[in-house]
Amino acid sequence: MAQLGKRYKCEECGTEVLCTKGGEGTFVCCDKEMKLQEPKPLPSSD
C-alpha cells in the first residue's frame, strides 16, 4: 500500500518518488518494487 507523504526509491537506478495520494498498490521501477525510504536523522544540537 502506498503511504501518503512517503518517499520511495529504486535501488537499481536511484529514481525517487514522493507519494501525493495514498492507496492500494506499490511503486515499481526497473521491474522491481521500490523501497520505502527511512527518514534522515536530524543533527544533534548539542
PDB file of N, CA and C in Angstrom:
ATOM      1  N   MET A   1       0.833  -1.171   0.000  1.00  0.00           N
ATOM      2  CA  MET A   1       0.000   0.000   0.000  1.00  0.00           C
ATOM      3  C   MET A   1       0.885   1.245   0.000  1.00  0.00           C
ATOM      4  N   ALA A   2       0.630   2.171  -0.893  1.00  0.00           N
ATOM      5  CA  ALA A   2       1.372   3.429  -0.972  1.00  0.00           C
ATOM      6  C   ALA A   2       0.895   4.364   0.137  1.00  0.00           C
ATOM      7  N   GLN A   3       1.850   4.928   0.870  1.00  0.00           N
ATOM      8  CA  GLN A   3       1.520   5.782   2.004  1.00  0.00           C
ATOM      9  C   GLN A   3       1.719   7.249   1.638  1.00  0.00           C
ATOM     10  N   LEU A   4       0.709   8.047   1.885  1.00  0.00           N
ATOM     11  CA  LEU A   4       0.723   9.470   1.581  1.00  0.00           C
ATOM     12  C   LEU A   4       1.891  10.174   2.272  1.00  0.00           C
ATOM     13  N   GLY A   5       2.641  10.974   1.519  1.00  0.00           N
ATOM     14  CA  GLY A   5       3.738  11.758   2.064  1.00  0.00           C
ATOM     15  C   GLY A   5       5.049  11.011   2.225  1.00  0.00           C
ATOM     16  N   LYS A   6       5.093   9.749   1.840  1.00  0.00           N
ATOM     17  CA  LYS A   6       6.320   8.949   1.984  1.00  0.00           C
ATOM     18  C   LYS A   6       7.098   8.949   0.670  1.00  0.00           C
ATOM     19  N   ARG A   7       8.408   8.795   0.784  1.00  0.00           N
ATOM     20  CA  ARG A   7       9.280   8.717  -0.389  1.00  0.00           C
ATOM     21  C   ARG A   7       9.683   7.266  -0.626  1.00  0.00           C
ATOM     22  N   TYR A   8       9.738   6.911  -1.902  1.00  0.00           N
ATOM     23  CA  TYR A   8      10.135   5.572  -2.312  1.00  0.00           C
ATOM     24  C   TYR A   8      11.301   5.722  -3.275  1.00  0.00           C
ATOM     25  N   LYS A   9      12.259   4.772  -3.220  1.00  0.00           N
ATOM     26  CA  LYS A   9      13.446   4.860  -4.069  1.00  0.00           C
ATOM     27  C   LYS A   9      13.723   3.536  -4.746  1.00  0.00           C
ATOM     28  N   CYS A  10      14.121   3.616  -6.013  1.00  0.00           N
ATOM     29  CA  CYS A  10      14.533   2.445  -6.775  1.00  0.00           C
ATOM     30  C   CYS A  10      15.998   2.179  -6.451  1.00  0.00           C
ATOM     31  N   GLU A  11      16.299   0.992  -5.954  1.00  0.00           N
ATOM     32  CA  GLU A  11      17.678   0.655  -5.607  1.00  0.00           C
ATOM     33  C   GLU A  11      18.520   0.364  -6.847  1.00  0.00           C
ATOM     34  N   GLU A  12      17.869   0.139  -7.978  1.00  0.00           N
ATOM     35  CA  GLU A  12      18.580  -0.174  -9.223  1.00  0.00           C
ATOM     36  C   GLU A  12      19.116   1.098  -9.896  1.00  0.00           C
ATOM     37  N   CYS A  13      18.248   2.105 -10.115  1.00  0.00           N
ATOM     38  CA  CYS A  13      18.649   3.302 -10.864  1.00  0.00           C
ATOM     39  C   CYS A  13      18.654   4.579 -10.033  1.00  0.00           C
ATOM     40  N   GLY A  14      18.119   4.542  -8.805  1.00  0.00           N
ATOM     41  CA  GLY A  14      18.152   5.700  -7.929  1.00  0.00           C
ATOM     42  C   GLY A  14      16.972   6.655  -8.071  1.00  0.00           C
ATOM     43  N   THR A  15      15.985   6.312  -8.888  1.00  0.00           N
ATOM     44  CA  THR A  15      14.812   7.156  -9.047  1.00  0.00           C
ATOM     45  C   THR A  15      14.048   7.238  -7.730  1.00  0.00           C
ATOM     46  N   GLU A  16      13.600   8.462  -7.379  1.00  0.00           N
ATOM     47  CA  GLU A  16      12.839   8.671  -6.158  1.00  0.00           C
ATOM     48  C   GLU A  16      11.436   9.157  -6.500  1.00  0.00           C
ATOM     49  N   VAL A  17      10.447   8.725  -5.707  1.00  0.00           N
ATOM     50  CA  VAL A  17       9.054   9.094  -5.912  1.00  0.00           C
ATOM     51  C   VAL A  17       8.487   9.569  -4.583  1.00  0.00           C
ATOM     52  N   LEU A  18       7.724  10.666  -4.622  1.00  0.00           N
ATOM     53  CA  LEU A  18       7.012  11.151  -3.447  1.00  0.00           C
ATOM     54  C   LEU A  18       5.543  10.845  -3.652  1.00  0.00           C
ATOM     55  N   CYS A  19       4.940  10.118  -2.725  1.00  0.00           N
ATOM     56  CA  CYS A  19       3.537   9.737  -2.839  1.00  0.00           C
ATOM     57  C   CYS A  19       2.647  10.918  -2.447  1.00  0.00           C
ATOM     58  N   THR A  20       1.833  11.397  -3.384  1.00  0.00           N
ATOM     59  CA  THR A  20       0.945  12.527  -3.133  1.00  0.00           C
ATOM     60  C   THR A  20      -0.507  12.107  -2.960  1.00  0.00           C
ATOM     61  N   LYS A  21      -0.789  10.828  -3.166  1.00  0.00           N
ATOM     62  CA  LYS A  21      -2.144  10.313  -2.983  1.00  0.00           C
ATOM     63  C   LYS A  21      -2.024   8.849  -2.563  1.00  0.00           C
ATOM     64  N   GLY A  22      -2.407   8.546  -1.339  1.00  0.00           N
ATOM     65  CA  GLY A  22      -2.303   7.185  -0.834  1.00  0.00           C
ATOM     66  C   GLY A  22      -3.301   6.257  -1.492  1.00  0.00           C
ATOM     67  N   GLY A  23      -3.031   4.968  -1.406  1.00  0.00           N
ATOM     68  CA  GLY A  23      -3.950   3.997  -1.973  1.00  0.00           C
ATOM     69  C   GLY A  23      -3.348   2.614  -2.066  1.00  0.00           C
ATOM     70  N   GLU A  24      -4.095   1.729  -2.687  1.00  0.00           N
ATOM     71  CA  GLU A  24      -3.657   0.350  -2.876  1.00  0.00           C
ATOM     72  C   GLU A  24      -2.599   0.298  -3.965  1.00  0.00           C
ATOM     73  N   GLY A  25      -1.718  -0.684  -3.870  1.00  0.00           N
ATOM     74  CA  GLY A  25      -0.706  -0.892  -4.892  1.00  0.00           C
ATOM     75  C   GLY A  25       0.681  -0.530  -4.410  1.00  0.00           C
ATOM     76  N   THR A  26       1.661  -0.734  -5.283  1.00  0.00           N
ATOM     77  CA  THR A  26       3.050  -0.454  -4.961  1.00  0.00           C
ATOM     78  C   THR A  26       3.688   0.279  -6.131  1.00  0.00           C
ATOM     79  N   PHE A  27       4.807   0.945  -5.864  1.00  0.00           N
ATOM     80  CA  PHE A  27       5.572   1.598  -6.911  1.00  0.00           C
ATOM     81  C   PHE A  27       6.578   0.593  -7.459  1.00  0.00           C
ATOM     82  N   VAL A  28       6.708   0.547  -8.791  1.00  0.00           N
ATOM     83  CA  VAL A  28       7.619  -0.393  -9.438  1.00  0.00           C
ATOM     84  C   VAL A  28       8.494   0.374 -10.420  1.00  0.00           C
ATOM     85  N   CYS A  29       9.797   0.097 -10.386  1.00  0.00           N
ATOM     86  CA  CYS A  29      10.752   0.696 -11.311  1.00  0.00           C
ATOM     87  C   CYS A  29      11.797  -0.365 -11.618  1.00  0.00           C
ATOM     88  N   CYS A  30      12.260  -0.429 -12.849  1.00  0.00           N
ATOM     89  CA  CYS A  30      13.267  -1.416 -13.272  1.00  0.00           C
ATOM     90  C   CYS A  30      12.804  -2.839 -12.941  1.00  0.00           C
ATOM     91  N   ASP A  31      11.509  -3.097 -13.064  1.00  0.00           N
ATOM     92  CA  ASP A  31      10.891  -4.407 -12.806  1.00  0.00           C
ATOM     93  C   ASP A  31      11.048  -4.880 -11.368  1.00  0.00           C
ATOM     94  N   LYS A  32      11.315  -3.952 -10.431  1.00  0.00           N
ATOM     95  CA  LYS A  32      11.435  -4.292  -9.016  1.00  0.00           C
ATOM     96  C   LYS A  32      10.589  -3.318  -8.200  1.00  0.00           C
ATOM     97  N   GLU A  33      10.096  -3.795  -7.069  1.00  0.00           N
ATOM     98  CA  GLU A  33       9.316  -2.933  -6.189  1.00  0.00           C
ATOM     99  C   GLU A  33      10.234  -1.895  -5.546  1.00  0.00           C
ATOM    100  N   MET A  34       9.782  -0.642  -5.510  1.00  0.00           N
ATOM    101  CA  MET A  34      10.572   0.430  -4.909  1.00  0.00           C
ATOM    102  C   MET A  34      10.501   0.328  -3.390  1.00  0.00           C
ATOM    103  N   LYS A  35      11.589   0.672  -2.716  1.00  0.00           N
ATOM    104  CA  LYS A  35      11.690   0.565  -1.263  1.00  0.00           C
ATOM    105  C   LYS A  35      11.326   1.886  -0.602  1.00  0.00           C
ATOM    106  N   LEU A  36      10.643   1.795   0.534  1.00  0.00           N
ATOM    107  CA  LEU A  36      10.301   2.965   1.326  1.00  0.00           C
ATOM    108  C   LEU A  36      11.579   3.528   1.930  1.00  0.00           C
ATOM    109  N   GLN A  37      11.800   4.842   1.758  1.00  0.00           N
ATOM    110  CA  GLN A  37      12.992   5.467   2.323  1.00  0.00           C
ATOM    111  C   GLN A  37      12.752   5.809   3.779  1.00  0.00           C
ATOM    112  N   GLU A  38      13.765   5.579   4.591  1.00  0.00           N
ATOM    113  CA  GLU A  38      13.703   5.927   6.003  1.00  0.00           C
ATOM    114  C   GLU A  38      14.027   7.410   6.151  1.00  0.00           C
ATOM    115  N   PRO A  39      13.421   8.071   7.136  1.00  0.00           N
ATOM    116  CA  PRO A  39      13.740   9.495   7.337  1.00  0.00           C
ATOM    117  C   PRO A  39      15.201   9.664   7.756  1.00  0.00           C
ATOM    118  N   LYS A  40      15.790  10.766   7.311  1.00  0.00           N
ATOM    119  CA  LYS A  40      17.175  11.051   7.676  1.00  0.00           C
ATOM    120  C   LYS A  40      17.195  11.571   9.113  1.00  0.00           C
ATOM    121  N   PRO A  41      18.154  11.133   9.904  1.00  0.00           N
ATOM    122  CA  PRO A  41      18.221  11.621  11.290  1.00  0.00           C
ATOM    123  C   PRO A  41      18.594  13.106  11.318  1.00  0.00           C
ATOM    124  N   LEU A  42      17.972  13.832  12.235  1.00  0.00           N
ATOM    125  CA  LEU A  42      18.284  15.240  12.386  1.00  0.00           C
ATOM    126  C   LEU A  42      19.605  15.391  13.135  1.00  0.00           C
ATOM    127  N   PRO A  43      20.385  16.398  12.782  1.00  0.00           N
ATOM    128  CA  PRO A  43      21.645  16.588  13.515  1.00  0.00           C
ATOM    129  C   PRO A  43      21.366  17.024  14.947  1.00  0.00           C
ATOM    130  N   SER A  44      22.219  16.592  15.851  1.00  0.00           N
ATOM    131  CA  SER A  44      22.012  16.963  17.249  1.00  0.00           C
ATOM    132  C   SER A  44      22.401  18.424  17.443  1.00  0.00           C
ATOM    133  N   SER A  45      21.762  19.066  18.396  1.00  0.00           N
ATOM    134  CA  SER A  45      22.035  20.481  18.634  1.00  0.00           C
ATOM    135  C   SER A  45      22.755  20.653  19.973  1.00  0.00           C
ATOM    136  N   ASP A  46      23.708  19.784  20.227  1.00  0.00           N
ATOM    137  CA  ASP A  46      24.454  19.837  21.492  1.00  0.00           C
ATOM    138  C   ASP A  46      25.265  21.091  21.598  1.00  0.00           C
TER     139      ASP A  46
END
